[in-house]
């Protein structure tokens, strides 16, 4: 493949929306494997994985938005627009939009075909959830108390 064709192929991959969930498996402890699902779009990546014993969605923005809580809205398919204040993680680019209803949010993501998230004053991100690779079922180990 010549260099120009490779650059065109990579450019199309970088700027186009993701085509289904990417599933990553890695060993966290000997004999214990973790699964993380990842769906990228222009401006952000949506991750779903086990955190503290529950499947949890987290939005990672391509740029930092600062610490604290930030107003966001999201919409699944043609459903209602939901307003929330997302918690921003320590790295200032991770948004926790569903901290109290993560398991329910994962089920809604699994049954939807589109997620639109608007980070007020910053950007709007559109995720195509209808790709050929579905969001897997997560079996999260109980979190030790």
N, C-alpha and C. Protein backbone atom coordinates (compact mmCIF):
# COMPACT_ATOMS: atom_id res chain seq x y z
N UNK A 1 0.86 -1.17 0.00
CA UNK A 1 0.00 0.00 0.00
C UNK A 1 0.91 1.23 0.00
N UNK A 2 0.62 2.17 -0.90
CA UNK A 2 1.49 3.34 -0.94
C UNK A 2 1.17 4.28 0.22
N UNK A 3 2.07 5.19 0.45
CA UNK A 3 1.98 6.08 1.61
C UNK A 3 0.73 6.97 1.56
N UNK A 4 0.40 7.49 0.40
CA UNK A 4 -0.76 8.37 0.28
C UNK A 4 -2.05 7.64 0.62
N UNK A 5 -2.20 6.41 0.13
CA UNK A 5 -3.40 5.62 0.44
C UNK A 5 -3.49 5.34 1.94
N UNK A 6 -2.35 5.08 2.58
CA UNK A 6 -2.34 4.83 4.02
C UNK A 6 -2.78 6.07 4.80
N UNK A 7 -2.30 7.25 4.39
CA UNK A 7 -2.69 8.50 5.06
C UNK A 7 -4.19 8.74 4.90
N UNK A 8 -4.73 8.50 3.72
CA UNK A 8 -6.17 8.68 3.48
C UNK A 8 -6.97 7.71 4.34
N UNK A 9 -6.54 6.46 4.41
CA UNK A 9 -7.23 5.46 5.22
C UNK A 9 -7.22 5.84 6.69
N UNK A 10 -6.07 6.25 7.22
CA UNK A 10 -5.98 6.65 8.62
C UNK A 10 -6.81 7.90 8.90
N UNK A 11 -6.82 8.85 7.98
CA UNK A 11 -7.62 10.06 8.17
C UNK A 11 -9.10 9.73 8.25
N UNK A 12 -9.56 8.84 7.39
CA UNK A 12 -10.97 8.45 7.42
C UNK A 12 -11.30 7.74 8.72
N UNK A 13 -10.37 6.94 9.22
CA UNK A 13 -10.60 6.23 10.48
C UNK A 13 -10.67 7.19 11.65
N UNK A 14 -9.84 8.20 11.66
CA UNK A 14 -9.77 9.13 12.78
C UNK A 14 -10.99 10.03 12.83
N UNK A 15 -11.51 10.47 11.70
CA UNK A 15 -12.58 11.46 11.72
C UNK A 15 -13.99 10.87 11.65
N UNK A 16 -14.13 9.61 11.29
CA UNK A 16 -15.47 9.05 11.18
C UNK A 16 -15.90 8.43 12.51
N UNK A 17 -17.22 8.37 12.75
CA UNK A 17 -17.69 7.76 13.99
C UNK A 17 -17.33 6.28 14.06
N UNK A 18 -17.29 5.76 15.25
CA UNK A 18 -16.92 4.36 15.44
C UNK A 18 -17.98 3.43 14.87
N UNK A 19 -17.55 2.25 14.52
CA UNK A 19 -18.45 1.26 13.95
C UNK A 19 -18.58 0.12 14.94
N UNK A 20 -19.37 0.30 15.95
CA UNK A 20 -19.56 -0.73 16.97
C UNK A 20 -18.57 -0.62 18.11
N UNK A 21 -18.89 -1.30 19.17
CA UNK A 21 -18.06 -1.28 20.38
C UNK A 21 -16.76 -2.03 20.15
N UNK A 22 -15.68 -1.51 20.67
CA UNK A 22 -14.41 -2.24 20.72
C UNK A 22 -14.33 -2.86 22.10
N UNK A 23 -14.05 -4.15 22.16
CA UNK A 23 -14.01 -4.87 23.42
C UNK A 23 -12.56 -5.19 23.75
N UNK A 24 -12.14 -4.81 24.96
CA UNK A 24 -10.77 -5.06 25.41
C UNK A 24 -10.82 -5.95 26.65
N UNK A 25 -10.01 -7.00 26.64
CA UNK A 25 -9.88 -7.88 27.80
C UNK A 25 -8.45 -7.79 28.30
N UNK A 26 -8.31 -7.68 29.61
CA UNK A 26 -6.97 -7.66 30.18
C UNK A 26 -6.99 -8.29 31.56
N UNK A 27 -5.85 -8.83 31.95
CA UNK A 27 -5.76 -9.50 33.24
C UNK A 27 -5.46 -8.48 34.33
N UNK A 28 -6.33 -8.39 35.32
CA UNK A 28 -6.14 -7.43 36.42
C UNK A 28 -5.44 -8.09 37.60
N UNK A 29 -5.70 -9.36 37.79
CA UNK A 29 -5.04 -10.18 38.81
C UNK A 29 -4.83 -11.55 38.18
N UNK A 30 -3.90 -12.33 38.71
CA UNK A 30 -3.72 -13.67 38.14
C UNK A 30 -5.05 -14.44 38.16
N UNK A 31 -5.46 -14.89 36.99
CA UNK A 31 -6.70 -15.64 36.86
C UNK A 31 -7.96 -14.79 36.83
N UNK A 32 -7.83 -13.47 36.83
CA UNK A 32 -9.01 -12.60 36.83
C UNK A 32 -8.91 -11.62 35.66
N UNK A 33 -9.86 -11.71 34.74
CA UNK A 33 -9.86 -10.88 33.55
C UNK A 33 -10.92 -9.80 33.65
N UNK A 34 -10.57 -8.61 33.23
CA UNK A 34 -11.53 -7.50 33.18
C UNK A 34 -11.88 -7.22 31.73
N UNK A 35 -13.10 -6.75 31.51
CA UNK A 35 -13.56 -6.39 30.17
C UNK A 35 -13.94 -4.92 30.18
N UNK A 36 -13.48 -4.19 29.18
CA UNK A 36 -13.86 -2.80 29.00
C UNK A 36 -14.34 -2.64 27.57
N UNK A 37 -15.51 -2.04 27.41
CA UNK A 37 -16.05 -1.74 26.08
C UNK A 37 -15.80 -0.27 25.80
N UNK A 38 -15.43 0.03 24.58
CA UNK A 38 -15.06 1.40 24.20
C UNK A 38 -15.73 1.75 22.89
N UNK A 39 -16.31 2.96 22.84
CA UNK A 39 -16.94 3.46 21.62
C UNK A 39 -16.48 4.89 21.42
N UNK A 40 -15.80 5.15 20.33
CA UNK A 40 -15.23 6.48 20.08
C UNK A 40 -16.08 7.28 19.12
N UNK A 41 -16.02 8.59 19.30
CA UNK A 41 -16.67 9.53 18.40
C UNK A 41 -15.76 10.75 18.32
N UNK A 42 -16.10 11.69 17.48
CA UNK A 42 -15.30 12.90 17.36
C UNK A 42 -15.46 13.71 18.64
N UNK A 43 -14.38 13.89 19.38
CA UNK A 43 -14.40 14.71 20.59
C UNK A 43 -14.45 13.95 21.90
N UNK A 44 -14.81 12.66 21.87
CA UNK A 44 -14.93 11.92 23.13
C UNK A 44 -14.97 10.41 22.87
N UNK A 45 -14.75 9.66 23.94
CA UNK A 45 -14.85 8.21 23.92
C UNK A 45 -15.72 7.77 25.08
N UNK A 46 -16.63 6.85 24.83
CA UNK A 46 -17.50 6.30 25.86
C UNK A 46 -16.93 4.95 26.28
N UNK A 47 -16.68 4.78 27.57
CA UNK A 47 -16.18 3.52 28.12
C UNK A 47 -17.25 2.92 29.01
N UNK A 48 -17.34 1.59 29.00
CA UNK A 48 -18.18 0.87 29.95
C UNK A 48 -17.34 -0.27 30.49
N UNK A 49 -17.26 -0.35 31.81
CA UNK A 49 -16.50 -1.41 32.47
C UNK A 49 -16.94 -1.54 33.91
N UNK A 50 -16.38 -2.51 34.60
CA UNK A 50 -16.74 -2.74 36.00
C UNK A 50 -15.95 -1.81 36.91
N UNK A 51 -16.67 -1.04 37.70
CA UNK A 51 -16.07 -0.17 38.69
C UNK A 51 -16.82 -0.39 39.99
N UNK A 52 -16.10 -0.75 41.02
CA UNK A 52 -16.69 -1.00 42.34
C UNK A 52 -17.86 -1.99 42.27
N UNK A 53 -17.68 -3.04 41.47
CA UNK A 53 -18.66 -4.11 41.42
C UNK A 53 -19.87 -3.88 40.55
N UNK A 54 -19.88 -2.81 39.76
CA UNK A 54 -21.04 -2.51 38.91
C UNK A 54 -20.58 -2.04 37.54
N UNK A 55 -21.26 -2.49 36.48
CA UNK A 55 -20.97 -1.99 35.14
C UNK A 55 -21.30 -0.50 35.11
N UNK A 56 -20.32 0.31 34.67
CA UNK A 56 -20.44 1.77 34.76
C UNK A 56 -19.99 2.43 33.46
N UNK A 57 -20.80 3.34 32.90
CA UNK A 57 -20.36 4.11 31.74
C UNK A 57 -19.63 5.39 32.18
N UNK A 58 -18.55 5.70 31.48
CA UNK A 58 -17.78 6.92 31.74
C UNK A 58 -17.47 7.56 30.40
N UNK A 59 -17.58 8.86 30.32
CA UNK A 59 -17.28 9.60 29.10
C UNK A 59 -15.93 10.28 29.26
N UNK A 60 -15.01 10.01 28.32
CA UNK A 60 -13.69 10.65 28.34
C UNK A 60 -13.64 11.64 27.18
N UNK A 61 -13.50 12.92 27.52
CA UNK A 61 -13.40 13.96 26.50
C UNK A 61 -11.98 14.04 25.98
N UNK A 62 -11.82 14.50 24.75
CA UNK A 62 -10.49 14.64 24.17
C UNK A 62 -9.70 15.79 24.79
N UNK A 63 -10.40 16.74 25.43
CA UNK A 63 -9.74 17.88 26.07
C UNK A 63 -10.24 18.01 27.50
N UNK A 64 -9.40 18.55 28.36
CA UNK A 64 -9.79 18.78 29.76
C UNK A 64 -10.86 19.85 29.86
N UNK A 65 -11.75 19.68 30.84
CA UNK A 65 -12.80 20.68 31.08
C UNK A 65 -12.67 21.30 32.47
N UNK A 66 -11.70 20.87 33.24
CA UNK A 66 -11.51 21.43 34.57
C UNK A 66 -12.19 20.60 35.64
N UNK A 67 -11.86 20.83 36.89
CA UNK A 67 -12.41 20.05 37.99
C UNK A 67 -13.82 20.48 38.37
N UNK A 68 -14.46 19.66 39.19
CA UNK A 68 -15.78 20.02 39.72
C UNK A 68 -16.91 19.29 39.05
N UNK A 69 -18.05 19.96 39.01
CA UNK A 69 -19.24 19.42 38.36
C UNK A 69 -19.57 20.30 37.18
N UNK A 70 -20.06 19.68 36.12
CA UNK A 70 -20.28 20.41 34.88
C UNK A 70 -21.67 20.05 34.33
N UNK A 71 -22.44 21.04 33.86
CA UNK A 71 -23.78 20.73 33.34
C UNK A 71 -23.70 20.01 31.99
N UNK A 72 -24.48 18.94 31.87
CA UNK A 72 -24.56 18.18 30.62
C UNK A 72 -26.02 17.83 30.36
N UNK A 73 -26.33 17.57 29.11
CA UNK A 73 -27.60 16.95 28.74
C UNK A 73 -27.27 15.73 27.90
N UNK A 74 -28.15 14.74 27.96
CA UNK A 74 -27.98 13.58 27.07
C UNK A 74 -29.34 13.12 26.60
N UNK A 75 -29.31 12.40 25.50
CA UNK A 75 -30.54 11.89 24.90
C UNK A 75 -30.24 10.54 24.26
N UNK A 76 -31.08 9.57 24.54
CA UNK A 76 -30.99 8.26 23.91
C UNK A 76 -32.07 8.16 22.85
N UNK A 77 -31.67 7.88 21.62
CA UNK A 77 -32.59 7.80 20.48
C UNK A 77 -33.45 9.07 20.42
N UNK A 78 -34.76 8.92 20.32
CA UNK A 78 -35.66 10.07 20.27
C UNK A 78 -36.32 10.34 21.62
N UNK A 79 -35.72 9.81 22.68
CA UNK A 79 -36.27 9.98 24.02
C UNK A 79 -36.10 11.40 24.53
N UNK A 80 -36.50 11.63 25.77
CA UNK A 80 -36.42 12.97 26.34
C UNK A 80 -34.97 13.40 26.55
N UNK A 81 -34.76 14.69 26.53
CA UNK A 81 -33.44 15.25 26.85
C UNK A 81 -33.34 15.31 28.36
N UNK A 82 -32.30 14.70 28.90
CA UNK A 82 -32.11 14.61 30.35
C UNK A 82 -30.98 15.55 30.76
N UNK A 83 -31.24 16.38 31.75
CA UNK A 83 -30.23 17.30 32.26
C UNK A 83 -29.61 16.73 33.52
N UNK A 84 -28.28 16.86 33.61
CA UNK A 84 -27.54 16.36 34.77
C UNK A 84 -26.36 17.29 35.03
N UNK A 85 -25.79 17.13 36.22
CA UNK A 85 -24.48 17.69 36.52
C UNK A 85 -23.53 16.51 36.61
N UNK A 86 -22.57 16.46 35.70
CA UNK A 86 -21.62 15.35 35.67
C UNK A 86 -20.45 15.67 36.59
N UNK A 87 -20.01 14.65 37.31
CA UNK A 87 -18.80 14.80 38.11
C UNK A 87 -17.61 14.66 37.17
N UNK A 88 -16.61 15.51 37.35
CA UNK A 88 -15.40 15.46 36.54
C UNK A 88 -14.34 14.75 37.35
N UNK A 89 -13.68 13.75 36.75
CA UNK A 89 -12.65 12.99 37.44
C UNK A 89 -11.39 13.80 37.68
N UNK A 90 -10.44 13.20 38.39
CA UNK A 90 -9.20 13.88 38.75
C UNK A 90 -8.41 14.35 37.53
N UNK A 91 -8.49 13.62 36.43
CA UNK A 91 -7.74 14.00 35.23
C UNK A 91 -8.41 15.12 34.45
N UNK A 92 -9.56 15.58 34.86
CA UNK A 92 -10.29 16.71 34.28
C UNK A 92 -10.82 16.46 32.87
N UNK A 93 -10.81 15.20 32.42
CA UNK A 93 -11.39 14.88 31.11
C UNK A 93 -12.39 13.74 31.20
N UNK A 94 -12.52 13.10 32.36
CA UNK A 94 -13.46 12.00 32.55
C UNK A 94 -14.74 12.51 33.20
N UNK A 95 -15.88 12.27 32.56
CA UNK A 95 -17.17 12.70 33.09
C UNK A 95 -17.97 11.50 33.57
N UNK A 96 -18.46 11.60 34.79
CA UNK A 96 -19.31 10.58 35.39
C UNK A 96 -20.73 11.12 35.33
N UNK A 97 -21.43 10.81 34.25
CA UNK A 97 -22.78 11.35 34.04
C UNK A 97 -23.82 10.56 34.83
N UNK A 98 -23.57 9.27 35.07
CA UNK A 98 -24.54 8.39 35.73
C UNK A 98 -23.98 7.81 37.03
N UNK A 99 -23.61 8.61 38.01
CA UNK A 99 -22.97 8.04 39.21
C UNK A 99 -23.91 7.23 40.10
N UNK A 100 -25.19 7.53 40.10
CA UNK A 100 -26.12 6.85 41.01
C UNK A 100 -26.96 5.78 40.33
N UNK A 101 -27.00 5.78 39.01
CA UNK A 101 -27.81 4.80 38.28
C UNK A 101 -27.02 4.17 37.14
N UNK A 102 -25.77 3.79 37.42
CA UNK A 102 -24.88 3.28 36.37
C UNK A 102 -25.41 2.00 35.73
N UNK A 103 -25.87 1.05 36.53
CA UNK A 103 -26.37 -0.21 35.97
C UNK A 103 -27.56 0.00 35.05
N UNK A 104 -28.47 0.87 35.46
CA UNK A 104 -29.63 1.19 34.63
C UNK A 104 -29.19 1.90 33.34
N UNK A 105 -28.20 2.77 33.45
CA UNK A 105 -27.69 3.49 32.27
C UNK A 105 -27.07 2.52 31.27
N UNK A 106 -26.35 1.52 31.75
CA UNK A 106 -25.75 0.52 30.86
C UNK A 106 -26.84 -0.23 30.10
N UNK A 107 -27.91 -0.60 30.78
CA UNK A 107 -29.02 -1.29 30.10
C UNK A 107 -29.67 -0.39 29.06
N UNK A 108 -29.84 0.88 29.37
CA UNK A 108 -30.43 1.81 28.39
C UNK A 108 -29.50 1.96 27.18
N UNK A 109 -28.18 2.02 27.42
CA UNK A 109 -27.22 2.11 26.31
C UNK A 109 -27.29 0.85 25.46
N UNK A 110 -27.43 -0.29 26.09
CA UNK A 110 -27.49 -1.56 25.37
C UNK A 110 -28.71 -1.63 24.45
N UNK A 111 -29.81 -1.01 24.85
CA UNK A 111 -31.06 -1.09 24.07
C UNK A 111 -31.28 0.10 23.14
N UNK A 112 -30.38 1.06 23.14
CA UNK A 112 -30.53 2.26 22.30
C UNK A 112 -29.67 2.13 21.05
N UNK A 113 -29.96 2.96 20.06
CA UNK A 113 -29.13 2.98 18.85
C UNK A 113 -28.32 4.26 18.72
N UNK A 114 -28.65 5.29 19.52
CA UNK A 114 -27.91 6.55 19.43
C UNK A 114 -27.89 7.23 20.79
N UNK A 115 -26.73 7.78 21.14
CA UNK A 115 -26.57 8.59 22.34
C UNK A 115 -25.98 9.93 21.94
N UNK A 116 -26.64 11.01 22.33
CA UNK A 116 -26.12 12.35 22.09
C UNK A 116 -25.89 13.00 23.44
N UNK A 117 -24.66 13.47 23.66
CA UNK A 117 -24.30 14.14 24.91
C UNK A 117 -23.86 15.55 24.58
N UNK A 118 -24.44 16.51 25.28
CA UNK A 118 -24.06 17.92 25.11
C UNK A 118 -23.44 18.40 26.41
N UNK A 119 -22.16 18.71 26.35
CA UNK A 119 -21.46 19.28 27.50
C UNK A 119 -21.60 20.78 27.35
N UNK A 120 -22.43 21.38 28.21
CA UNK A 120 -22.82 22.77 28.04
C UNK A 120 -21.61 23.70 27.98
N UNK A 121 -21.60 24.54 26.95
CA UNK A 121 -20.51 25.48 26.76
C UNK A 121 -19.25 24.86 26.21
N UNK A 122 -19.31 23.58 25.82
CA UNK A 122 -18.07 22.93 25.38
C UNK A 122 -18.24 22.21 24.05
N UNK A 123 -19.03 21.15 24.00
CA UNK A 123 -19.20 20.40 22.75
C UNK A 123 -20.41 19.49 22.82
N UNK A 124 -20.79 18.99 21.65
CA UNK A 124 -21.83 17.97 21.53
C UNK A 124 -21.20 16.75 20.88
N UNK A 125 -21.46 15.58 21.46
CA UNK A 125 -20.88 14.33 20.97
C UNK A 125 -22.02 13.38 20.63
N UNK A 126 -21.92 12.74 19.48
CA UNK A 126 -22.94 11.81 19.01
C UNK A 126 -22.33 10.42 18.90
N UNK A 127 -22.91 9.43 19.57
CA UNK A 127 -22.42 8.06 19.52
C UNK A 127 -23.44 7.18 18.81
N UNK A 128 -22.97 6.43 17.81
CA UNK A 128 -23.80 5.45 17.12
C UNK A 128 -23.66 4.13 17.87
N UNK A 129 -24.70 3.75 18.59
CA UNK A 129 -24.67 2.53 19.40
C UNK A 129 -25.15 1.31 18.64
N UNK A 130 -25.47 1.47 17.36
CA UNK A 130 -26.10 0.39 16.60
C UNK A 130 -25.13 -0.41 15.75
N UNK A 131 -23.84 -0.29 16.00
CA UNK A 131 -22.85 -1.00 15.19
C UNK A 131 -22.96 -2.51 15.31
N UNK A 132 -22.14 -3.24 14.57
CA UNK A 132 -22.24 -4.70 14.54
C UNK A 132 -21.80 -5.36 15.84
N UNK A 133 -20.95 -4.70 16.61
CA UNK A 133 -20.52 -5.28 17.88
C UNK A 133 -21.35 -4.66 19.00
N UNK A 134 -22.10 -5.47 19.69
CA UNK A 134 -22.98 -4.98 20.74
C UNK A 134 -22.22 -4.80 22.05
N UNK A 135 -22.79 -4.00 22.91
CA UNK A 135 -22.25 -3.83 24.25
C UNK A 135 -22.41 -5.16 24.99
N UNK A 136 -21.30 -5.72 25.51
CA UNK A 136 -21.40 -7.05 26.13
C UNK A 136 -22.13 -7.01 27.47
N UNK A 137 -22.55 -8.19 27.90
CA UNK A 137 -23.08 -8.34 29.25
C UNK A 137 -21.89 -8.36 30.20
N UNK A 138 -21.96 -7.60 31.26
CA UNK A 138 -20.87 -7.54 32.22
C UNK A 138 -21.24 -8.33 33.46
N UNK A 139 -20.31 -9.16 33.92
CA UNK A 139 -20.46 -9.83 35.20
C UNK A 139 -19.36 -9.28 36.09
N UNK A 140 -19.74 -8.33 36.91
CA UNK A 140 -18.77 -7.66 37.76
C UNK A 140 -18.65 -8.39 39.09
N UNK A 141 -17.41 -8.58 39.52
CA UNK A 141 -17.18 -9.19 40.82
C UNK A 141 -17.63 -8.23 41.91
N UNK A 142 -18.15 -8.76 43.01
CA UNK A 142 -18.57 -7.87 44.10
C UNK A 142 -17.39 -7.05 44.61
N UNK A 143 -17.68 -5.81 44.95
CA UNK A 143 -16.64 -4.92 45.47
C UNK A 143 -16.48 -5.17 46.96
N UNK A 144 -15.26 -5.46 47.42
CA UNK A 144 -15.08 -5.72 48.86
C UNK A 144 -15.35 -4.47 49.68
N UNK A 145 -16.06 -4.65 50.78
CA UNK A 145 -16.41 -3.53 51.65
C UNK A 145 -15.34 -3.34 52.69
